[in-house]
C-alpha atoms as a PDB file:
ATOM      1  CA  UNK A   1     107.013 -41.363  35.613  1.00  0.00           C
ATOM      2  CA  UNK A   2     104.662 -39.116  33.673  1.00  0.00           C
ATOM      3  CA  UNK A   3     105.639 -35.685  32.363  1.00  0.00           C
ATOM      4  CA  UNK A   4     103.881 -33.766  35.192  1.00  0.00           C
ATOM      5  CA  UNK A   5     105.694 -35.793  37.829  1.00  0.00           C
ATOM      6  CA  UNK A   6     108.997 -35.212  36.037  1.00  0.00           C
ATOM      7  CA  UNK A   7     108.377 -31.449  35.982  1.00  0.00           C
ATOM      8  CA  UNK A   8     107.462 -31.590  39.665  1.00  0.00           C
ATOM      9  CA  UNK A   9     110.694 -33.415  40.534  1.00  0.00           C
ATOM     10  CA  UNK A  10     112.794 -30.979  38.493  1.00  0.00           C
ATOM     11  CA  UNK A  11     111.053 -28.020  40.132  1.00  0.00           C
ATOM     12  CA  UNK A  12     111.750 -29.500  43.583  1.00  0.00           C
ATOM     13  CA  UNK A  13     115.419 -30.001  42.690  1.00  0.00           C
ATOM     14  CA  UNK A  14     115.662 -26.371  41.560  1.00  0.00           C
ATOM     15  CA  UNK A  15     114.112 -25.182  44.812  1.00  0.00           C
ATOM     16  CA  UNK A  16     116.501 -27.332  46.837  1.00  0.00           C
ATOM     17  CA  UNK A  17     119.500 -26.073  44.833  1.00  0.00           C
ATOM     18  CA  UNK A  18     118.412 -22.445  45.256  1.00  0.00           C
ATOM     19  CA  UNK A  19     117.867 -22.943  48.987  1.00  0.00           C
ATOM     20  CA  UNK A  20     121.259 -24.629  49.336  1.00  0.00           C
ATOM     21  CA  UNK A  21     122.940 -21.741  47.515  1.00  0.00           C
ATOM     22  CA  UNK A  22     121.136 -19.192  49.685  1.00  0.00           C
ATOM     23  CA  UNK A  23     122.277 -21.030  52.786  1.00  0.00           C
ATOM     24  CA  UNK A  24     125.863 -21.138  51.551  1.00  0.00           C
ATOM     25  CA  UNK A  25     126.261 -17.469  50.590  1.00  0.00           C
ATOM     26  CA  UNK A  26     126.287 -14.538  53.005  1.00  0.00           C
ATOM     27  CA  UNK A  27     123.421 -12.074  52.813  1.00  0.00           C
ATOM     28  CA  UNK A  28     124.101  -9.715  55.753  1.00  0.00           C
ATOM     29  CA  UNK A  29     121.833  -6.825  56.727  1.00  0.00           C
ATOM     30  CA  UNK A  30     124.813  -4.476  56.571  1.00  0.00           C
ATOM     31  CA  UNK A  31     128.130  -4.428  54.725  1.00  0.00           C
ATOM     32  CA  UNK A  32     131.369  -3.204  56.273  1.00  0.00           C
ATOM     33  CA  UNK A  33     133.805  -1.329  54.038  1.00  0.00           C
ATOM     34  CA  UNK A  34     137.438  -0.572  54.862  1.00  0.00           C
ATOM     35  CA  UNK A  35     140.522   0.965  53.226  1.00  0.00           C
ATOM     36  CA  UNK A  36     144.230   0.677  53.936  1.00  0.00           C
ATOM     37  CA  UNK A  37     145.409   3.710  55.947  1.00  0.00           C
ATOM     38  CA  UNK A  38     147.026   6.450  53.866  1.00  0.00           C
ATOM     39  CA  UNK A  39     148.145  10.010  54.439  1.00  0.00           C
ATOM     40  CA  UNK A  40     144.638  11.148  53.470  1.00  0.00           C
ATOM     41  CA  UNK A  41     142.612   8.539  55.360  1.00  0.00           C
ATOM     42  CA  UNK A  42     140.638  10.999  57.489  1.00  0.00           C
ATOM     43  CA  UNK A  43     140.061  13.234  54.458  1.00  0.00           C
ATOM     44  CA  UNK A  44     139.033  10.248  52.346  1.00  0.00           C
ATOM     45  CA  UNK A  45     136.240   9.392  54.773  1.00  0.00           C
ATOM     46  CA  UNK A  46     134.332  12.471  53.594  1.00  0.00           C
ATOM     47  CA  UNK A  47     135.126  11.748  49.954  1.00  0.00           C
ATOM     48  CA  UNK A  48     133.807   8.205  50.286  1.00  0.00           C
ATOM     49  CA  UNK A  49     130.391   9.404  51.526  1.00  0.00           C
ATOM     50  CA  UNK A  50     128.784   9.554  48.038  1.00  0.00           C
ATOM     51  CA  UNK A  51     130.308   6.149  47.245  1.00  0.00           C
ATOM     52  CA  UNK A  52     128.902   4.730  50.471  1.00  0.00           C
ATOM     53  CA  UNK A  53     125.499   6.210  49.550  1.00  0.00           C
ATOM     54  CA  UNK A  54     125.706   4.644  46.085  1.00  0.00           C
ATOM     55  CA  UNK A  55     126.681   1.269  47.580  1.00  0.00           C
ATOM     56  CA  UNK A  56     123.704   1.492  49.923  1.00  0.00           C
ATOM     57  CA  UNK A  57     121.386   2.310  47.022  1.00  0.00           C
ATOM     58  CA  UNK A  58     122.680  -0.452  44.736  1.00  0.00           C
ATOM     59  CA  UNK A  59     122.919  -3.221  47.332  1.00  0.00           C
ATOM     60  CA  UNK A  60     119.964  -2.260  49.508  1.00  0.00           C
ATOM     61  CA  UNK A  61     122.237  -2.690  52.532  1.00  0.00           C
ATOM     62  CA  UNK A  62     123.339  -0.433  55.345  1.00  0.00           C
ATOM     63  CA  UNK A  63     127.043   0.382  54.837  1.00  0.00           C
ATOM     64  CA  UNK A  64     129.385   0.776  57.793  1.00  0.00           C
ATOM     65  CA  UNK A  65     132.879   2.232  57.390  1.00  0.00           C
ATOM     66  CA  UNK A  66     135.690   0.570  59.380  1.00  0.00           C
ATOM     67  CA  UNK A  67     138.850   2.634  59.887  1.00  0.00           C
ATOM     68  CA  UNK A  68     141.890   0.364  60.418  1.00  0.00           C
ATOM     69  CA  UNK A  69     145.216   1.066  62.105  1.00  0.00           C
ATOM     70  CA  UNK A  70     147.493  -0.682  59.579  1.00  0.00           C
ATOM     71  CA  UNK A  71     147.638  -2.491  56.242  1.00  0.00           C
ATOM     72  CA  UNK A  72     147.507  -5.830  58.077  1.00  0.00           C
ATOM     73  CA  UNK A  73     144.421  -4.959  60.132  1.00  0.00           C
ATOM     74  CA  UNK A  74     142.331  -4.477  56.966  1.00  0.00           C
ATOM     75  CA  UNK A  75     143.310  -7.910  55.645  1.00  0.00           C
ATOM     76  CA  UNK A  76     142.721  -9.527  59.038  1.00  0.00           C
ATOM     77  CA  UNK A  77     139.244  -7.973  59.259  1.00  0.00           C
ATOM     78  CA  UNK A  78     138.438  -9.203  55.740  1.00  0.00           C
ATOM     79  CA  UNK A  79     139.696 -12.727  56.383  1.00  0.00           C
ATOM     80  CA  UNK A  80     137.886 -12.844  59.733  1.00  0.00           C
ATOM     81  CA  UNK A  81     134.592 -11.874  58.131  1.00  0.00           C
ATOM     82  CA  UNK A  82     134.330  -8.545  59.959  1.00  0.00           C
ATOM     83  CA  UNK A  83     134.771  -6.602  56.696  1.00  0.00           C
ATOM     84  CA  UNK A  84     132.977  -7.394  53.425  1.00  0.00           C
ATOM     85  CA  UNK A  85     134.452  -4.836  50.990  1.00  0.00           C
ATOM     86  CA  UNK A  86     137.972  -3.435  51.173  1.00  0.00           C
ATOM     87  CA  UNK A  87     140.789  -1.610  49.483  1.00  0.00           C
ATOM     88  CA  UNK A  88     144.067  -3.483  49.971  1.00  0.00           C
ATOM     89  CA  UNK A  89     147.640  -2.914  48.870  1.00  0.00           C
ATOM     90  CA  UNK A  90     148.645  -5.259  46.002  1.00  0.00           C
ATOM     91  CA  UNK A  91     150.983  -7.281  48.243  1.00  0.00           C
ATOM     92  CA  UNK A  92     148.428  -7.308  51.040  1.00  0.00           C
ATOM     93  CA  UNK A  93     145.880  -8.654  48.571  1.00  0.00           C
ATOM     94  CA  UNK A  94     147.873 -11.675  47.410  1.00  0.00           C
ATOM     95  CA  UNK A  95     148.802 -12.453  51.035  1.00  0.00           C
ATOM     96  CA  UNK A  96     145.164 -12.244  52.128  1.00  0.00           C
ATOM     97  CA  UNK A  97     144.015 -14.248  49.092  1.00  0.00           C
ATOM     98  CA  UNK A  98     146.385 -17.038  50.083  1.00  0.00           C
ATOM     99  CA  UNK A  99     144.738 -17.236  53.505  1.00  0.00           C
ATOM    100  CA  UNK A 100     141.191 -16.843  52.203  1.00  0.00           C
ATOM    101  CA  UNK A 101     140.777 -17.836  48.523  1.00  0.00           C
ATOM    102  CA  UNK A 102     137.227 -16.459  48.523  1.00  0.00           C
ATOM    103  CA  UNK A 103     138.546 -12.863  48.557  1.00  0.00           C
ATOM    104  CA  UNK A 104     137.820 -11.490  45.098  1.00  0.00           C
ATOM    105  CA  UNK A 105     139.407  -8.507  43.362  1.00  0.00           C
ATOM    106  CA  UNK A 106     136.947  -6.727  41.076  1.00  0.00           C
ATOM    107  CA  UNK A 107     138.369  -3.300  40.191  1.00  0.00           C
ATOM    108  CA  UNK A 108     140.977  -0.606  40.606  1.00  0.00           C
ATOM    109  CA  UNK A 109     141.265   2.995  39.486  1.00  0.00           C
ATOM    110  CA  UNK A 110     142.988   4.207  36.346  1.00  0.00           C
ATOM    111  CA  UNK A 111     145.295   7.098  37.193  1.00  0.00           C
ATOM    112  CA  UNK A 112     145.633  10.297  35.222  1.00  0.00           C
ATOM    113  CA  UNK A 113     149.171  11.429  34.407  1.00  0.00           C
ATOM    114  CA  UNK A 114     150.566  13.313  37.389  1.00  0.00           C
ATOM    115  CA  UNK A 115     153.849  14.805  38.581  1.00  0.00           C
ATOM    116  CA  UNK A 116     155.592  11.452  38.907  1.00  0.00           C
ATOM    117  CA  UNK A 117     152.687   9.119  38.106  1.00  0.00           C
ATOM    118  CA  UNK A 118     152.124   7.733  34.610  1.00  0.00           C
ATOM    119  CA  UNK A 119     148.623   7.346  33.133  1.00  0.00           C
ATOM    120  CA  UNK A 120     146.832   4.018  33.629  1.00  0.00           C
ATOM    121  CA  UNK A 121     145.897   1.432  36.280  1.00  0.00           C
ATOM    122  CA  UNK A 122     149.505   0.933  37.379  1.00  0.00           C
ATOM    123  CA  UNK A 123     152.133   2.723  39.445  1.00  0.00           C
ATOM    124  CA  UNK A 124     155.840   2.510  40.181  1.00  0.00           C
ATOM    125  CA  UNK A 125     158.137   2.349  43.160  1.00  0.00           C
ATOM    126  CA  UNK A 126     160.558   5.258  42.887  1.00  0.00           C
ATOM    127  CA  UNK A 127     163.847   5.846  44.680  1.00  0.00           C
ATOM    128  CA  UNK A 128     164.257   9.518  45.590  1.00  0.00           C
ATOM    129  CA  UNK A 129     166.898  11.720  47.213  1.00  0.00           C
ATOM    130  CA  UNK A 130     166.907  15.430  48.003  1.00  0.00           C
ATOM    131  CA  UNK A 131     167.993  17.743  45.200  1.00  0.00           C
ATOM    132  CA  UNK A 132     171.240  19.475  46.166  1.00  0.00           C
ATOM    133  CA  UNK A 133     172.429  16.563  48.293  1.00  0.00           C
ATOM    134  CA  UNK A 134     175.504  14.541  47.394  1.00  0.00           C
ATOM    135  CA  UNK A 135     173.307  11.514  46.660  1.00  0.00           C
ATOM    136  CA  UNK A 136     172.885  11.753  42.913  1.00  0.00           C
ATOM    137  CA  UNK A 137     173.492   8.117  41.940  1.00  0.00           C
ATOM    138  CA  UNK A 138     172.304   4.815  43.350  1.00  0.00           C
ATOM    139  CA  UNK A 139     175.857   3.772  44.214  1.00  0.00           C
ATOM    140  CA  UNK A 140     176.425   6.993  46.174  1.00  0.00           C
ATOM    141  CA  UNK A 141     173.774   5.801  48.631  1.00  0.00           C
ATOM    142  CA  UNK A 142     175.706   2.749  49.810  1.00  0.00           C
ATOM    143  CA  UNK A 143     175.991   2.817  53.592  1.00  0.00           C
ATOM    144  CA  UNK A 144     173.276   5.476  54.101  1.00  0.00           C
ATOM    145  CA  UNK A 145     169.788   5.541  55.637  1.00  0.00           C
ATOM    146  CA  UNK A 146     166.720   4.783  53.510  1.00  0.00           C
ATOM    147  CA  UNK A 147     163.006   5.065  54.231  1.00  0.00           C
ATOM    148  CA  UNK A 148     160.538   2.241  53.581  1.00  0.00           C
ATOM    149  CA  UNK A 149     156.813   2.921  54.088  1.00  0.00           C
ATOM    150  CA  UNK A 150     155.500  -0.227  55.798  1.00  0.00           C
ATOM    151  CA  UNK A 151     156.453  -3.937  55.925  1.00  0.00           C
ATOM    152  CA  UNK A 152     153.172  -4.686  54.122  1.00  0.00           C
ATOM    153  CA  UNK A 153     153.730  -2.159  51.353  1.00  0.00           C
ATOM    154  CA  UNK A 154     154.435  -3.352  47.815  1.00  0.00           C
ATOM    155  CA  UNK A 155     156.310  -0.287  46.588  1.00  0.00           C
ATOM    156  CA  UNK A 156     157.521   0.750  50.025  1.00  0.00           C
ATOM    157  CA  UNK A 157     159.204  -2.533  51.025  1.00  0.00           C
ATOM    158  CA  UNK A 158     158.659  -5.532  48.727  1.00  0.00           C
ATOM    159  CA  UNK A 159     159.926  -3.979  45.489  1.00  0.00           C
ATOM    160  CA  UNK A 160     162.970  -2.314  47.077  1.00  0.00           C
ATOM    161  CA  UNK A 161     164.032  -5.687  48.480  1.00  0.00           C
ATOM    162  CA  UNK A 162     163.319  -8.036  45.580  1.00  0.00           C
ATOM    163  CA  UNK A 163     163.609  -5.837  42.488  1.00  0.00           C
ATOM    164  CA  UNK A 164     165.859  -2.886  43.274  1.00  0.00           C
ATOM    165  CA  UNK A 165     168.426  -4.756  45.396  1.00  0.00           C
ATOM    166  CA  UNK A 166     169.019  -7.516  42.802  1.00  0.00           C
ATOM    167  CA  UNK A 167     169.257  -4.763  40.179  1.00  0.00           C
ATOM    168  CA  UNK A 168     172.169  -3.442  42.300  1.00  0.00           C
ATOM    169  CA  UNK A 169     173.547  -6.990  42.712  1.00  0.00           C
ATOM    170  CA  UNK A 170     173.189  -6.796  46.475  1.00  0.00           C
ATOM    171  CA  UNK A 171     170.562  -7.202  49.179  1.00  0.00           C
ATOM    172  CA  UNK A 172     168.978  -4.320  51.030  1.00  0.00           C
ATOM    173  CA  UNK A 173     170.298  -5.103  54.502  1.00  0.00           C
ATOM    174  CA  UNK A 174     173.851  -5.160  53.212  1.00  0.00           C
ATOM    175  CA  UNK A 175     173.604  -2.090  50.995  1.00  0.00           C
ATOM    176  CA  UNK A 176     171.992   0.285  53.472  1.00  0.00           C
ATOM    177  CA  UNK A 177     173.377   1.294  56.834  1.00  0.00           C
ATOM    178  CA  UNK A 178     169.825   1.505  58.147  1.00  0.00           C
ATOM    179  CA  UNK A 179     166.284   0.890  56.839  1.00  0.00           C
ATOM    180  CA  UNK A 180     163.634   2.998  58.582  1.00  0.00           C
ATOM    181  CA  UNK A 181     159.925   2.235  58.397  1.00  0.00           C
ATOM    182  CA  UNK A 182     158.344   5.676  58.252  1.00  0.00           C
ATOM    183  CA  UNK A 183     154.686   4.635  58.386  1.00  0.00           C
ATOM    184  CA  UNK A 184     153.673   6.002  54.979  1.00  0.00           C
ATOM    185  CA  UNK A 185     154.832   7.205  51.572  1.00  0.00           C
ATOM    186  CA  UNK A 186     154.035  10.805  52.515  1.00  0.00           C
ATOM    187  CA  UNK A 187     156.213  10.514  55.615  1.00  0.00           C
ATOM    188  CA  UNK A 188     159.031   8.989  53.567  1.00  0.00           C
ATOM    189  CA  UNK A 189     158.798  11.879  51.090  1.00  0.00           C
ATOM    190  CA  UNK A 190     158.819  14.504  53.841  1.00  0.00           C
ATOM    191  CA  UNK A 191     161.683  12.788  55.691  1.00  0.00           C
ATOM    192  CA  UNK A 192     163.832  12.849  52.541  1.00  0.00           C
ATOM    193  CA  UNK A 193     162.878  16.475  51.929  1.00  0.00           C
ATOM    194  CA  UNK A 194     163.832  17.517  55.477  1.00  0.00           C
ATOM    195  CA  UNK A 195     167.106  15.573  55.395  1.00  0.00           C
ATOM    196  CA  UNK A 196     166.101  13.201  58.193  1.00  0.00           C
ATOM    197  CA  UNK A 197     166.864  10.277  55.904  1.00  0.00           C
ATOM    198  CA  UNK A 198     169.141  10.124  52.884  1.00  0.00           C
ATOM    199  CA  UNK A 199     166.785   8.403  50.461  1.00  0.00           C
ATOM    200  CA  UNK A 200     163.383   6.789  50.245  1.00  0.00           C
ATOM    201  CA  UNK A 201     161.274   4.434  48.180  1.00  0.00           C
ATOM    202  CA  UNK A 202     157.848   5.896  47.439  1.00  0.00           C
ATOM    203  CA  UNK A 203     154.851   4.974  45.301  1.00  0.00           C
ATOM    204  CA  UNK A 204     154.584   7.360  42.358  1.00  0.00           C
ATOM    205  CA  UNK A 205     150.923   8.208  43.017  1.00  0.00           C
ATOM    206  CA  UNK A 206     151.436   8.657  46.773  1.00  0.00           C
ATOM    207  CA  UNK A 207     154.322  11.027  46.097  1.00  0.00           C
ATOM    208  CA  UNK A 208     152.055  13.031  43.804  1.00  0.00           C
ATOM    209  CA  UNK A 209     149.593  13.505  46.677  1.00  0.00           C
ATOM    210  CA  UNK A 210     152.263  15.243  48.755  1.00  0.00           C
ATOM    211  CA  UNK A 211     153.127  17.529  45.839  1.00  0.00           C
ATOM    212  CA  UNK A 212     149.443  18.292  45.256  1.00  0.00           C
ATOM    213  CA  UNK A 213     149.104  19.424  48.869  1.00  0.00           C
ATOM    214  CA  UNK A 214     151.935  21.926  48.330  1.00  0.00           C
ATOM    215  CA  UNK A 215     154.244  20.322  50.877  1.00  0.00           C
ATOM    216  CA  UNK A 216     157.004  19.607  48.367  1.00  0.00           C
ATOM    217  CA  UNK A 217     157.773  20.099  44.674  1.00  0.00           C
ATOM    218  CA  UNK A 218     158.855  17.497  42.140  1.00  0.00           C
ATOM    219  CA  UNK A 219     161.969  19.539  41.419  1.00  0.00           C
ATOM    220  CA  UNK A 220     163.013  19.232  45.081  1.00  0.00           C
ATOM    221  CA  UNK A 221     164.073  15.630  44.406  1.00  0.00           C
ATOM    222  CA  UNK A 222     166.409  13.467  42.384  1.00  0.00           C
ATOM    223  CA  UNK A 223     164.714  10.432  40.858  1.00  0.00           C
ATOM    224  CA  UNK A 224     167.371   7.728  40.812  1.00  0.00           C
ATOM    225  CA  UNK A 225     165.348   4.646  39.889  1.00  0.00           C
ATOM    226  CA  UNK A 226     161.852   3.554  38.802  1.00  0.00           C
ATOM    227  CA  UNK A 227     160.439   0.048  39.045  1.00  0.00           C
ATOM    228  CA  UNK A 228     158.422  -1.684  36.351  1.00  0.00           C
ATOM    229  CA  UNK A 229     154.711  -0.826  36.561  1.00  0.00           C
ATOM    230  CA  UNK A 230     152.574  -2.717  39.087  1.00  0.00           C
ATOM    231  CA  UNK A 231     148.756  -2.691  39.375  1.00  0.00           C
ATOM    232  CA  UNK A 232     147.056  -0.119  41.595  1.00  0.00           C
ATOM    233  CA  UNK A 233     145.446  -0.965  44.928  1.00  0.00           C
ATOM    234  CA  UNK A 234     142.857  -3.719  44.423  1.00  0.00           C
ATOM    235  CA  UNK A 235     139.232  -3.166  45.453  1.00  0.00           C
ATOM    236  CA  UNK A 236     137.973  -6.497  46.748  1.00  0.00           C
ATOM    237  CA  UNK A 237     134.961  -8.145  48.313  1.00  0.00           C
ATOM    238  CA  UNK A 238     134.383 -11.373  50.176  1.00  0.00           C
ATOM    239  CA  UNK A 239     133.528 -14.140  47.736  1.00  0.00           C
ATOM    240  CA  UNK A 240     131.222 -15.531  50.427  1.00  0.00           C
ATOM    241  CA  UNK A 241     128.713 -12.760  49.715  1.00  0.00           C
ATOM    242  CA  UNK A 242     125.734 -13.727  47.565  1.00  0.00           C
ATOM    243  CA  UNK A 243     126.307 -13.191  43.848  1.00  0.00           C
ATOM    244  CA  UNK A 244     123.736 -10.439  43.450  1.00  0.00           C
ATOM    245  CA  UNK A 245     125.452  -8.427  46.195  1.00  0.00           C
ATOM    246  CA  UNK A 246     128.835  -8.962  44.541  1.00  0.00           C
ATOM    247  CA  UNK A 247     127.509  -7.787  41.173  1.00  0.00           C
ATOM    248  CA  UNK A 248     125.947  -4.677  42.701  1.00  0.00           C
ATOM    249  CA  UNK A 249     129.191  -3.800  44.491  1.00  0.00           C
ATOM    250  CA  UNK A 250     131.131  -4.213  41.240  1.00  0.00           C
ATOM    251  CA  UNK A 251     128.583  -2.134  39.312  1.00  0.00           C
ATOM    252  CA  UNK A 252     128.820   0.671  41.895  1.00  0.00           C
ATOM    253  CA  UNK A 253     132.527   1.196  41.305  1.00  0.00           C
ATOM    254  CA  UNK A 254     132.693   0.503  37.563  1.00  0.00           C
ATOM    255  CA  UNK A 255     129.951   3.091  36.955  1.00  0.00           C
ATOM    256  CA  UNK A 256     131.625   5.865  38.982  1.00  0.00           C
ATOM    257  CA  UNK A 257     133.143   7.461  35.882  1.00  0.00           C
ATOM    258  CA  UNK A 258     129.603   8.266  34.694  1.00  0.00           C
ATOM    259  CA  UNK A 259     128.402   9.579  38.066  1.00  0.00           C
ATOM    260  CA  UNK A 260     128.745  13.378  38.574  1.00  0.00           C
ATOM    261  CA  UNK A 261     128.450  12.810  42.331  1.00  0.00           C
ATOM    262  CA  UNK A 262     131.678  10.788  42.280  1.00  0.00           C
ATOM    263  CA  UNK A 263     133.770  13.471  40.542  1.00  0.00           C
ATOM    264  CA  UNK A 264     135.307  14.811  43.759  1.00  0.00           C
ATOM    265  CA  UNK A 265     136.162  11.287  44.855  1.00  0.00           C
ATOM    266  CA  UNK A 266     137.783  10.426  41.508  1.00  0.00           C
ATOM    267  CA  UNK A 267     139.589  13.779  41.389  1.00  0.00           C
ATOM    268  CA  UNK A 268     141.132  12.960  44.767  1.00  0.00           C
ATOM    269  CA  UNK A 269     142.398   9.687  43.318  1.00  0.00           C
ATOM    270  CA  UNK A 270     143.661  11.606  40.256  1.00  0.00           C
ATOM    271  CA  UNK A 271     141.485   9.260  38.242  1.00  0.00           C
ATOM    272  CA  UNK A 272     138.653   9.513  35.732  1.00  0.00           C
ATOM    273  CA  UNK A 273     137.246   6.000  36.135  1.00  0.00           C
ATOM    274  CA  UNK A 274     137.519   2.534  37.636  1.00  0.00           C
ATOM    275  CA  UNK A 275     138.492  -0.464  35.516  1.00  0.00           C
ATOM    276  CA  UNK A 276     137.684  -4.143  36.016  1.00  0.00           C
ATOM    277  CA  UNK A 277     140.505  -6.282  37.398  1.00  0.00           C
ATOM    278  CA  UNK A 278     140.960 -10.006  37.919  1.00  0.00           C
ATOM    279  CA  UNK A 279     143.161 -12.091  40.155  1.00  0.00           C
ATOM    280  CA  UNK A 280     145.481 -12.800  37.212  1.00  0.00           C
ATOM    281  CA  UNK A 281     146.316  -9.088  36.956  1.00  0.00           C
ATOM    282  CA  UNK A 282     148.136  -9.429  40.281  1.00  0.00           C
ATOM    283  CA  UNK A 283     150.333 -12.368  39.260  1.00  0.00           C
ATOM    284  CA  UNK A 284     153.208  -9.887  38.943  1.00  0.00           C
ATOM    285  CA  UNK A 285     152.916  -9.321  42.692  1.00  0.00           C
ATOM    286  CA  UNK A 286     153.038 -13.069  43.316  1.00  0.00           C
ATOM    287  CA  UNK A 287     156.247 -13.203  41.313  1.00  0.00           C
ATOM    288  CA  UNK A 288     157.648 -10.488  43.560  1.00  0.00           C
ATOM    289  CA  UNK A 289     156.487 -12.336  46.672  1.00  0.00           C
ATOM    290  CA  UNK A 290     158.200 -15.550  45.533  1.00  0.00           C
ATOM    291  CA  UNK A 291     161.386 -13.572  44.974  1.00  0.00           C
ATOM    292  CA  UNK A 292     161.070 -12.145  48.481  1.00  0.00           C
ATOM    293  CA  UNK A 293     160.606 -15.624  49.990  1.00  0.00           C
ATOM    294  CA  UNK A 294     163.687 -16.883  48.168  1.00  0.00           C
ATOM    295  CA  UNK A 295     165.590 -13.843  49.378  1.00  0.00           C
ATOM    296  CA  UNK A 296     164.617 -14.519  53.009  1.00  0.00           C
ATOM    297  CA  UNK A 297     165.519 -18.195  52.649  1.00  0.00           C
ATOM    298  CA  UNK A 298     168.925 -17.284  51.252  1.00  0.00           C
ATOM    299  CA  UNK A 299     169.476 -14.746  54.028  1.00  0.00           C
ATOM    300  CA  UNK A 300     168.550 -17.287  56.702  1.00  0.00           C
ATOM    301  CA  UNK A 301     170.976 -19.828  55.212  1.00  0.00           C
ATOM    302  CA  UNK A 302     173.745 -17.243  55.217  1.00  0.00           C
ATOM    303  CA  UNK A 303     173.024 -16.477  58.863  1.00  0.00           C
ATOM    304  CA  UNK A 304     173.595 -20.105  59.836  1.00  0.00           C
ATOM    305  CA  UNK A 305     177.074 -20.181  58.303  1.00  0.00           C
END
C-alpha cells in the first residue's frame, strides 16, 4: 500500500471514529436545567436568569428550566434523560450516580463565612434547639421530637442517622420519641423557633438563609452539635452529552466569579465563586451511605428477633 493510500485509509478511519462518537453522544437542540427544591426555589428562578442566558450563549442551545417537586424528582428526571444539567443534594448525587454512572459532577460553590456557615465548599449538619428551652444538652433531648428535612437530604436525615446517632451510642428511632419530616431546612428552623418541635437538624448554609431573611436570629438557638464538613450541593450534567457541550457548561459556572452579571446570583448563595469538583470529592457521602445501609440491615435483623 503506497503512502497516499495509507493516508486515505487513516483519514477514513478518523471520519468513521468521529461519526461513531457523534452518534453516541447527545447533542440536543435544547438543554433542560433543574435544581433541588429549597426554601428559595421560586426566588432562585429569577436569580438563575443571567446564568441561563450565559449557558445559552456558551452552549448555543435553548435552555429550559424544570421546577421539580422533591429531591427525588430531580434525580429521576436526570436519570430518565428529561434533564441534562442539575443541582442535586450530595446524597441524592451518589444515589443517582449509582443508577446512572454517566452523571458527572463538575462544580459546586464556595461559601463565604456566614452566621453558622464556615468559609469554603463544604457545610455541616447542625443540631439546634430553642434558646431558653430546657434542651441545652444532647442527652436532654432523649424522648423528644426532632425535625428532619427530607428522606433524601444529607444533612437533614442521613448524617443525623449515621453520624450523630452513633456518636450518641444509639440509633435515631430509639433515641427520639418522634422524627418529623418538615419538608425543608427552613421549615425545621422555624418549627424549632416556634416550639412546634423540640430540636432539629439543619444544614448550616440553609439555616443562614432563614437568618438572612430576618425570620430568626442566630442567638435564638442553642447549637448542640456540628457534623464534620461535607461538600456542598453538586452541580452535575449528563455524561451522555457531547464533550464540547459538557466543557461549555463547566466553563459557564467556573467563570461566574469573574462575571459582574452573576454577582446577585452568587450573593444569594453567599458565595464569591464556583470551584471544580470531581466524583472523588463525594466519597465521604458514600461512606455515610454505607453506614446507613449497615444501620438499616442491623435494624431489620433486630426486628426479626
